[in-house]
Protein backbone atom coordinates (compact mmCIF):
# COMPACT_ATOMS: atom_id res chain seq x y z
CA MET A 1 135.55 -5.86 157.68
CA LYS A 2 135.73 -4.76 153.89
CA THR A 3 138.83 -5.41 151.97
CA GLU A 4 140.53 -3.21 149.18
CA HIS A 5 139.86 -6.26 146.92
CA ASN A 6 136.13 -5.81 147.61
CA GLU A 7 136.08 -2.02 146.99
CA LYS A 8 137.48 -1.86 143.58
CA PRO A 9 134.49 -3.53 141.53
CA VAL A 10 132.03 -1.23 143.56
CA LEU A 11 133.90 1.85 142.31
CA LEU A 12 134.20 0.52 138.85
CA ILE A 13 130.40 0.01 138.75
CA VAL A 14 129.76 3.52 140.00
CA ARG A 15 132.12 5.10 137.52
CA PHE A 16 130.58 3.19 134.68
CA THR A 17 127.11 4.16 135.73
CA VAL A 18 127.95 7.83 136.01
CA SER A 19 129.55 7.79 132.48
CA ALA A 20 126.80 6.15 130.96
CA LEU A 21 124.33 8.69 132.43
CA VAL A 22 126.50 11.59 131.08
CA MET A 23 126.57 10.06 127.75
CA ILE A 24 122.75 9.62 127.67
CA LEU A 25 122.41 13.27 128.89
CA LEU A 26 124.85 14.48 126.26
CA SER A 27 123.03 12.39 123.52
CA LEU A 28 119.70 13.83 124.59
CA ALA A 29 120.96 17.42 124.59
CA THR A 30 122.57 16.97 121.15
CA TRP A 31 119.29 15.41 119.95
CA TRP A 32 117.28 18.25 121.38
CA ASN A 33 119.67 20.84 120.11
CA GLY A 34 119.53 19.37 116.65
CA ARG A 35 115.75 19.28 116.77
CA ALA A 36 115.55 22.99 117.86
CA GLY A 37 118.09 23.80 115.21
CA PHE A 38 116.13 21.92 112.63
CA ALA A 39 112.79 23.83 113.74
CA ARG A 40 114.62 27.09 113.31
CA LEU A 41 115.61 25.93 109.69
CA LEU A 42 112.13 25.06 109.01
CA SER A 43 110.80 28.32 110.45
CA THR A 44 113.35 30.28 108.24
CA TYR A 45 112.22 28.38 105.19
CA ALA A 46 108.46 28.98 106.07
CA ALA A 47 109.10 32.66 106.30
CA LYS A 48 110.71 32.75 103.11
CA SER A 49 108.27 30.55 101.27
CA ASN A 50 105.17 31.46 103.07
CA SER A 51 104.52 27.87 103.93
CA ILE A 52 102.02 27.32 106.77
CA ALA A 53 102.82 23.60 106.77
CA ALA A 54 106.47 24.32 107.41
CA ALA A 55 105.62 26.82 110.03
CA GLN A 56 103.38 24.35 111.88
CA THR A 57 105.97 21.62 111.70
CA ALA A 58 108.69 23.92 113.16
CA SER A 59 106.39 24.90 116.07
CA SER A 60 105.68 21.22 116.86
CA LEU A 61 109.44 20.41 116.78
CA SER A 62 110.20 23.30 119.09
CA PRO A 63 107.04 24.27 121.06
CA ASN A 64 108.84 26.55 123.32
CA ASP A 65 110.72 28.62 120.65
CA PRO A 66 108.91 31.99 120.47
CA GLU A 67 110.40 32.60 116.89
CA THR A 68 108.48 29.55 115.43
CA HIS A 69 105.20 30.85 116.83
CA TYR A 70 105.96 34.38 115.60
CA VAL A 71 106.69 33.23 112.15
CA GLN A 72 103.59 31.04 112.00
CA GLY A 73 101.51 33.99 113.33
CA ALA A 74 102.88 36.22 110.44
CA ILE A 75 101.91 33.66 107.72
CA LEU A 76 98.60 33.19 109.24
CA GLU A 77 97.94 37.00 109.29
CA ALA A 78 99.14 37.24 105.78
CA ALA A 79 96.69 34.54 104.72
CA GLY A 80 93.71 36.47 106.44
CA ASP A 81 93.28 33.73 109.40
CA LEU A 82 93.60 36.55 112.00
CA PRO A 83 92.25 34.55 114.97
CA ALA A 84 94.76 31.87 114.50
CA ALA A 85 97.46 34.40 114.09
CA VAL A 86 96.48 36.12 117.47
CA VAL A 87 96.96 32.74 119.19
CA GLU A 88 100.50 32.32 117.79
CA TYR A 89 101.50 35.84 118.46
CA ALA A 90 100.10 35.58 122.12
CA GLU A 91 102.18 32.30 122.58
CA ALA A 92 105.33 34.04 121.10
CA ALA A 93 104.87 36.96 123.60
CA ARG A 94 104.33 34.72 126.40
CA LEU A 95 107.42 32.69 125.77
CA ARG A 96 109.60 36.01 125.23
CA ALA A 97 107.66 38.51 127.20
CA ASP A 98 110.50 41.07 127.06
CA ASP A 99 110.29 41.50 123.33
CA TYR A 100 108.23 44.70 122.39
CA VAL A 101 108.01 43.60 118.68
CA LEU A 102 106.02 40.53 119.70
CA TRP A 103 103.59 42.58 121.74
CA LEU A 104 103.04 45.05 118.74
CA SER A 105 102.19 42.15 116.46
CA LEU A 106 99.93 40.74 119.06
CA ALA A 107 98.29 44.19 119.54
CA ARG A 108 97.78 44.86 115.72
CA THR A 109 96.09 41.53 115.04
CA ARG A 110 94.04 41.77 118.19
CA GLU A 111 92.68 45.12 116.88
CA LEU A 112 91.95 43.58 113.57
CA THR A 113 89.75 41.09 115.14
CA GLY A 114 87.81 43.69 117.00
CA ASN A 115 89.40 43.22 120.47
CA THR A 116 90.26 46.77 121.16
CA ALA A 117 90.79 46.37 124.87
CA GLY A 118 93.24 43.53 124.29
CA ALA A 119 95.08 45.54 121.49
CA LEU A 120 95.48 48.49 123.77
CA ALA A 121 96.79 46.19 126.60
CA ALA A 122 99.28 44.71 124.41
CA SER A 123 100.37 47.95 122.93
CA ARG A 124 100.93 49.34 126.38
CA GLU A 125 103.09 46.24 127.16
CA ALA A 126 105.31 47.27 124.02
CA VAL A 127 105.55 50.84 125.22
CA ALA A 128 106.55 49.95 128.65
CA LEU A 129 109.34 47.55 127.18
CA ALA A 130 110.64 50.07 124.72
CA PRO A 131 109.68 53.69 125.75
CA GLN A 132 112.52 55.06 123.95
CA TYR A 133 111.57 53.75 120.66
CA ALA A 134 109.11 55.53 118.33
CA GLN A 135 107.05 52.51 116.85
CA PRO A 136 105.37 51.53 120.27
CA HIS A 137 104.14 54.99 120.79
CA TRP A 138 103.07 55.35 117.35
CA GLN A 139 100.95 52.20 117.32
CA LEU A 140 99.46 52.81 120.68
CA GLY A 141 98.65 56.59 119.67
CA ASN A 142 96.92 55.58 116.49
CA MET A 143 94.96 52.79 118.37
CA LEU A 144 93.78 55.30 121.10
CA VAL A 145 92.83 57.90 118.23
CA ARG A 146 90.71 55.18 116.44
CA ALA A 147 89.21 54.25 119.81
CA GLY A 148 88.14 57.88 120.22
CA GLN A 149 90.61 58.61 123.05
CA LEU A 150 92.14 61.61 121.32
CA GLU A 151 93.86 63.30 124.22
CA GLU A 152 95.85 60.21 125.24
CA GLY A 153 96.36 59.23 121.68
CA PHE A 154 97.95 62.42 120.58
CA LYS A 155 100.12 62.26 123.56
CA GLU A 156 101.51 58.92 122.34
CA LEU A 157 101.81 60.28 118.87
CA ARG A 158 103.87 63.39 120.09
CA LEU A 159 106.19 60.91 122.09
CA SER A 160 106.56 59.13 118.80
CA GLY A 161 107.34 62.13 116.80
CA ARG A 162 109.87 63.27 119.40
CA ASN A 163 111.72 60.03 118.95
CA ASP A 164 111.33 59.95 115.25
CA PRO A 165 110.76 63.51 113.60
CA SER A 166 110.28 61.93 110.18
CA ARG A 167 106.71 60.80 111.68
CA LEU A 168 105.76 64.44 112.37
CA PRO A 169 104.26 65.24 109.05
CA ALA A 170 101.86 62.28 109.28
CA ILE A 171 100.93 63.19 112.86
CA ILE A 172 100.15 66.79 111.82
CA ASP A 173 98.15 65.46 108.99
CA LEU A 174 96.05 63.26 111.18
CA ALA A 175 95.36 66.19 113.35
CA TRP A 176 94.29 68.17 110.41
CA GLN A 177 91.79 65.48 109.13
CA LEU A 178 90.22 65.32 112.63
CA SER A 179 90.16 69.22 113.23
CA ALA A 180 87.83 70.20 110.33
CA ASN A 181 90.61 72.71 109.40
CA ASP A 182 90.86 73.95 113.05
CA ILE A 183 94.33 75.50 113.53
CA GLU A 184 93.95 75.77 117.33
CA PHE A 185 93.16 72.10 117.39
CA ILE A 186 96.12 71.20 115.40
CA LYS A 187 98.36 73.19 117.83
CA ARG A 188 96.78 71.65 120.84
CA ALA A 189 97.25 68.23 119.45
CA ILE A 190 100.78 68.59 118.35
CA GLN A 191 102.05 70.72 121.28
CA PRO A 192 105.33 71.86 119.58
CA GLN A 193 108.14 72.10 121.79
CA THR A 194 111.21 71.28 119.76
CA PRO A 195 112.67 72.88 116.58
CA ASP A 196 111.61 69.75 114.67
CA SER A 197 108.07 69.91 115.65
CA TYR A 198 107.89 73.69 114.99
CA LYS A 199 109.51 73.19 111.63
CA ALA A 200 107.21 70.36 110.52
CA LEU A 201 104.11 72.48 111.54
CA ALA A 202 105.26 75.47 109.61
CA GLU A 203 105.93 73.32 106.51
CA PHE A 204 102.41 71.88 106.90
CA PHE A 205 100.87 75.30 107.38
CA LYS A 206 102.78 76.73 104.31
CA LYS A 207 101.39 73.92 102.14
CA LYS A 208 97.93 74.75 103.40
CA ASN A 209 98.52 78.44 102.54
CA LYS A 210 98.20 79.48 106.31
CA LEU A 211 101.13 81.70 105.90
CA THR A 212 100.76 83.68 109.15
CA GLU A 213 100.70 80.48 111.09
CA ALA A 214 103.54 79.05 109.18
CA VAL A 215 105.69 82.28 109.98
CA GLU A 216 104.65 81.98 113.69
CA MET A 217 106.03 78.46 113.83
CA LEU A 218 109.32 79.35 112.09
CA ARG A 219 109.82 82.19 114.71
CA ALA A 220 109.16 80.06 117.48
CA ALA A 221 111.64 77.40 116.44
CA GLY A 222 114.45 79.90 117.22
CA SER A 223 117.99 79.32 115.91
CA GLY A 224 117.36 75.78 114.84
CA ALA A 225 115.26 76.88 111.95
CA GLU A 226 117.54 79.59 110.41
CA PRO A 227 117.92 77.55 107.10
CA GLU A 228 114.31 76.98 106.86
CA ARG A 229 113.47 80.68 107.59
CA ARG A 230 115.90 81.80 104.83
CA LEU A 231 114.16 79.55 102.36
CA SER A 232 110.72 80.44 103.33
CA LEU A 233 111.63 84.06 103.32
CA GLN A 234 112.77 83.82 99.59
CA GLU A 235 109.62 81.90 98.69
CA LEU A 236 107.28 84.55 100.43
CA ILE A 237 109.02 87.34 98.65
CA SER A 238 108.69 85.56 95.41
CA ALA A 239 104.98 84.94 96.03
CA GLY A 240 104.38 88.56 96.85
CA LYS A 241 103.59 87.86 100.50
CA PHE A 242 105.72 90.73 101.64
CA THR A 243 103.98 91.36 105.16
CA GLU A 244 104.65 87.65 106.07
CA ALA A 245 108.04 87.93 104.76
CA ALA A 246 108.80 90.85 106.98
CA GLY A 247 107.52 89.16 109.95
CA LEU A 248 109.91 86.22 109.25
CA TRP A 249 112.88 88.48 108.38
CA SER A 250 112.63 90.47 111.62
CA MET A 251 113.13 87.14 113.51
CA ASP A 252 116.85 87.14 112.35
CA HIS A 253 117.07 91.04 112.66
CA PRO A 254 115.85 92.07 116.11
CA GLU A 255 117.31 95.39 115.82
CA ALA A 256 114.80 96.07 112.97
CA SER A 257 111.62 98.36 113.87
CA GLN A 258 108.73 96.55 115.10
CA ASN A 259 106.61 98.42 112.54
CA MET A 260 108.70 98.17 109.27
CA GLU A 261 106.27 100.06 107.06
CA SER A 262 107.98 103.04 105.31
CA GLN A 263 111.27 102.03 107.02
CA PHE A 264 114.66 102.04 105.32
CA ARG A 265 117.10 99.64 106.71
CA ASN A 266 120.55 101.25 107.05
CA PRO A 267 119.38 104.35 105.40
CA GLY A 268 122.72 106.23 105.83
CA PHE A 269 124.93 103.30 105.12
CA GLU A 270 126.43 103.52 108.55
CA GLN A 271 127.15 99.75 108.94
CA GLU A 272 128.21 96.78 106.75
CA SER A 273 125.36 94.77 105.17
CA ASN A 274 125.25 91.28 103.61
CA LEU A 275 124.30 92.40 100.22
CA ASP A 276 123.48 88.52 99.05
CA LYS A 277 120.63 87.69 101.54
CA PRO A 278 117.01 88.07 100.75
CA GLY A 279 114.90 90.30 102.65
CA PHE A 280 114.48 94.02 103.57
CA ASP A 281 118.00 95.29 103.64
CA TRP A 282 120.23 96.63 100.72
CA ARG A 283 121.00 94.08 98.06
CA GLN A 284 123.46 94.05 95.25
CA ASP A 285 121.72 92.65 92.26
CA ASN A 286 124.34 93.23 89.61
CA LYS A 287 127.35 90.93 90.38
CA THR A 288 130.13 91.73 88.04
CA ASP A 289 133.93 92.64 88.47
CA SER A 290 133.45 95.98 86.84
CA LEU A 291 131.17 97.25 89.84
CA SER A 292 132.44 97.48 93.34
CA LEU A 293 130.47 98.94 96.41
CA SER A 294 132.02 100.15 99.57
CA LEU A 295 131.48 102.36 102.69
CA ASP A 296 133.40 105.55 102.19
CA PRO A 297 134.05 107.62 105.38
CA ASN A 298 135.24 110.61 103.28
CA GLN A 299 132.92 113.66 102.78
CA THR A 300 129.67 112.10 103.93
CA LYS A 301 126.38 113.74 103.61
CA GLU A 302 125.55 112.81 107.18
CA GLY A 303 126.94 110.24 109.67
CA HIS A 304 130.44 108.46 109.37
CA THR A 305 130.07 106.79 105.99
CA SER A 306 128.21 106.73 102.77
CA LEU A 307 127.92 104.22 99.94
CA ARG A 308 130.49 104.59 97.27
CA ILE A 309 130.00 102.80 93.81
CA ASP A 310 132.89 102.41 91.49
CA PHE A 311 132.06 101.74 87.86
CA ASN A 312 134.88 100.45 85.81
CA GLY A 313 133.65 98.65 82.58
CA ALA A 314 130.86 96.76 81.00
CA SER A 315 127.89 95.61 83.07
CA ASN A 316 124.19 94.62 82.09
CA PRO A 317 122.06 97.86 82.40
CA GLY A 318 119.01 95.78 82.76
CA VAL A 319 119.93 94.41 86.23
CA PRO A 320 119.82 96.91 89.19
CA VAL A 321 123.12 97.87 90.90
CA ILE A 322 121.63 98.02 94.27
CA SER A 323 118.09 97.76 95.68
CA GLN A 324 115.92 97.58 98.90
CA LEU A 325 112.56 96.11 99.37
CA ILE A 326 110.28 98.33 101.71
CA LEU A 327 106.81 97.74 103.03
CA VAL A 328 104.14 100.56 102.31
CA ALA A 329 100.47 101.15 102.97
CA PRO A 330 98.29 100.54 100.02
CA GLY A 331 96.78 103.60 98.40
CA THR A 332 99.07 106.08 100.07
CA ARG A 333 101.31 108.81 98.65
CA TYR A 334 104.86 109.00 99.66
CA GLN A 335 108.09 110.94 99.38
CA LEU A 336 111.40 109.60 99.14
CA GLN A 337 114.50 111.54 100.04
CA PHE A 338 118.02 110.99 99.50
CA ALA A 339 121.42 112.62 98.69
CA ALA A 340 124.00 111.71 95.91
CA ARG A 341 127.21 112.98 94.37
CA SER A 342 129.13 111.94 91.28
CA GLU A 343 132.42 112.08 89.89
CA GLY A 344 133.62 111.38 86.30
CA LEU A 345 130.57 109.42 85.14
CA VAL A 346 130.82 108.42 81.61
CA SER A 347 128.28 105.97 79.79
CA GLY A 348 125.86 105.69 77.15
CA GLY A 349 123.57 104.37 79.88
CA MET A 350 123.70 106.56 82.87
CA PRO A 351 122.44 105.62 86.37
CA TYR A 352 119.29 106.71 88.12
CA LEU A 353 117.11 105.93 91.00
CA VAL A 354 113.69 104.39 90.45
CA VAL A 355 110.72 103.15 92.70
CA VAL A 356 108.76 100.10 91.41
CA ASN A 357 105.76 98.11 92.45
CA ALA A 358 107.58 95.16 94.29
CA THR A 359 105.07 92.75 92.72
CA SER A 360 104.64 93.90 89.14
CA ASN A 361 107.89 96.01 88.69
CA ASN A 362 105.75 98.79 87.43
CA VAL A 363 107.53 102.24 87.77
CA LEU A 364 105.88 104.29 90.45
CA GLY A 365 108.53 107.14 90.11
CA GLN A 366 112.00 107.88 89.22
CA THR A 367 114.65 110.60 89.20
CA GLY A 368 116.40 112.05 86.17
CA LEU A 369 119.71 110.64 85.14
CA PHE A 370 122.67 111.40 87.66
CA PRO A 371 124.92 113.96 86.23
CA LYS A 372 128.51 113.20 85.09
CA GLU A 373 129.96 115.45 87.79
CA THR A 374 128.75 117.40 90.81
CA SER A 375 130.46 119.78 93.02
CA GLY A 376 129.09 118.35 96.17
CA TRP A 377 126.28 116.55 97.65
CA GLN A 378 122.77 117.14 95.87
CA ASP A 379 119.40 116.35 97.53
CA TYR A 380 116.81 114.45 95.63
CA VAL A 381 113.09 114.27 96.31
CA LEU A 382 110.80 111.80 94.63
CA ASP A 383 107.00 111.58 95.22
CA PHE A 384 104.87 108.52 94.26
CA ASN A 385 101.66 106.82 94.90
CA SER A 386 101.15 103.27 96.12
CA ALA A 387 98.17 101.54 94.50
CA GLU A 388 95.45 99.86 96.28
CA ASN A 389 96.92 96.57 95.93
CA ILE A 390 100.46 97.34 96.73
CA SER A 391 102.07 96.28 100.00
CA ALA A 392 105.78 96.90 99.05
CA VAL A 393 107.99 98.89 96.78
CA LYS A 394 111.46 98.38 95.69
CA VAL A 395 113.86 101.22 95.48
CA MET A 396 116.43 100.62 92.88
CA LEU A 397 119.68 102.20 91.37
CA ARG A 398 119.41 101.38 87.74
CA ARG A 399 120.90 102.43 84.22
CA VAL A 400 119.11 103.45 81.13
CA ALA A 401 119.10 101.03 78.50
CA CYS A 402 122.00 101.01 75.92
CA SER A 403 122.26 99.70 72.37
CA SER A 404 124.51 96.93 73.74
CA SER A 405 123.36 94.47 76.58
CA THR A 406 126.77 94.95 78.16
CA CYS A 407 127.10 98.71 78.03
CA PRO A 408 130.20 100.07 79.72
CA VAL A 409 130.17 102.82 82.47
CA PHE A 410 132.96 104.45 84.16
CA GLY A 411 133.23 106.87 87.18
CA HIS A 412 131.99 107.05 90.70
CA LEU A 413 128.81 107.68 92.46
CA TRP A 414 128.02 108.25 96.05
CA LEU A 415 124.53 107.65 98.04
CA ASP A 416 123.59 108.61 101.52
CA ASN A 417 120.70 109.78 103.84
CA PHE A 418 117.61 107.96 102.52
CA SER A 419 114.33 108.39 104.10
CA LEU A 420 110.56 107.57 103.23
CA ARG A 421 107.58 109.42 104.58
CA LYS A 422 103.88 109.50 104.01
CA LEU A 423 102.40 112.81 102.57
């Protein structure tokens, strides 16, 4: 039978043995962690100094660390040793298989070594791991295109552009290069569905002077492209592309006539207009405190209101008071009709109405000077011819030149009931 005296030495031996084992394990863990930490330090140094020797030492110290293999692969790739880089990238991806960046690096170097199938397989691994990121789709899409698989390639590129719209111009440019300038090919390749894709296509087509297609894309972009439409509208008008400009302008003015040729916008001044925006509505060109425009409900020619212009001091007679841009057919005779009345007009530079070529500003026709005073409304008729190269005219209220650039004018003028018809 065992005694308490015999049990104590045994327990002491067991405890000592366990403690020794724990100490050994802790020492091994400390040594291993130190080894791994040193390997990481070497790997960091290798990456900064581009030292292949340091990278190799780091990999040998910590062979199961994917980071050391990745750094070694990057240095080998930069040095042009692509087969060796593939080996290191493959080992890094094996050790950390859920890291899409490692698969992308492996795919890139495999393609560079001519292993297209292996490159595509690695890129697909990256896409599966990070489908919400743009870069995997971008790399796989470009690889597929280079492999001649255009349909699947542009499918991936579209996903890349959806996740990162900044890539869209490059994707569109690639489609253009492959299309031999085929607009329909580009549309099929890009398949725009978002405002960003429509706007990117519009900007590209505009740069290629495909203005009809650019307008089509901006219209399709909807409300998400209003600032871009406004900018493009001004650019088209400045470039004399009035038909394209009208198509774009009508997008934000659905109440406008489908056929805008010979059509005045708000001809009787029956509703408020934004006189600052470019387009095919009334615009106030001459901005000064001495000129004020308002809708007047008193004594109208027709309808509920007319335009009242109050002159109260100096203004530049070289700048139109108000104007409207109107589409016309080339080589056609037109008749402009409107009504006006005046009260107390006094100036050395009296106002008159003029029609000019919207491109060259050459005068096509004009009225005489409006009288100082009328007893009521007077009807005006003005005939003019559009030349063969004219697609738009501008109707303007102007003043004759004075000896002074800021010739004063005082009094009131009313305008109403504009119309334009072919003769």
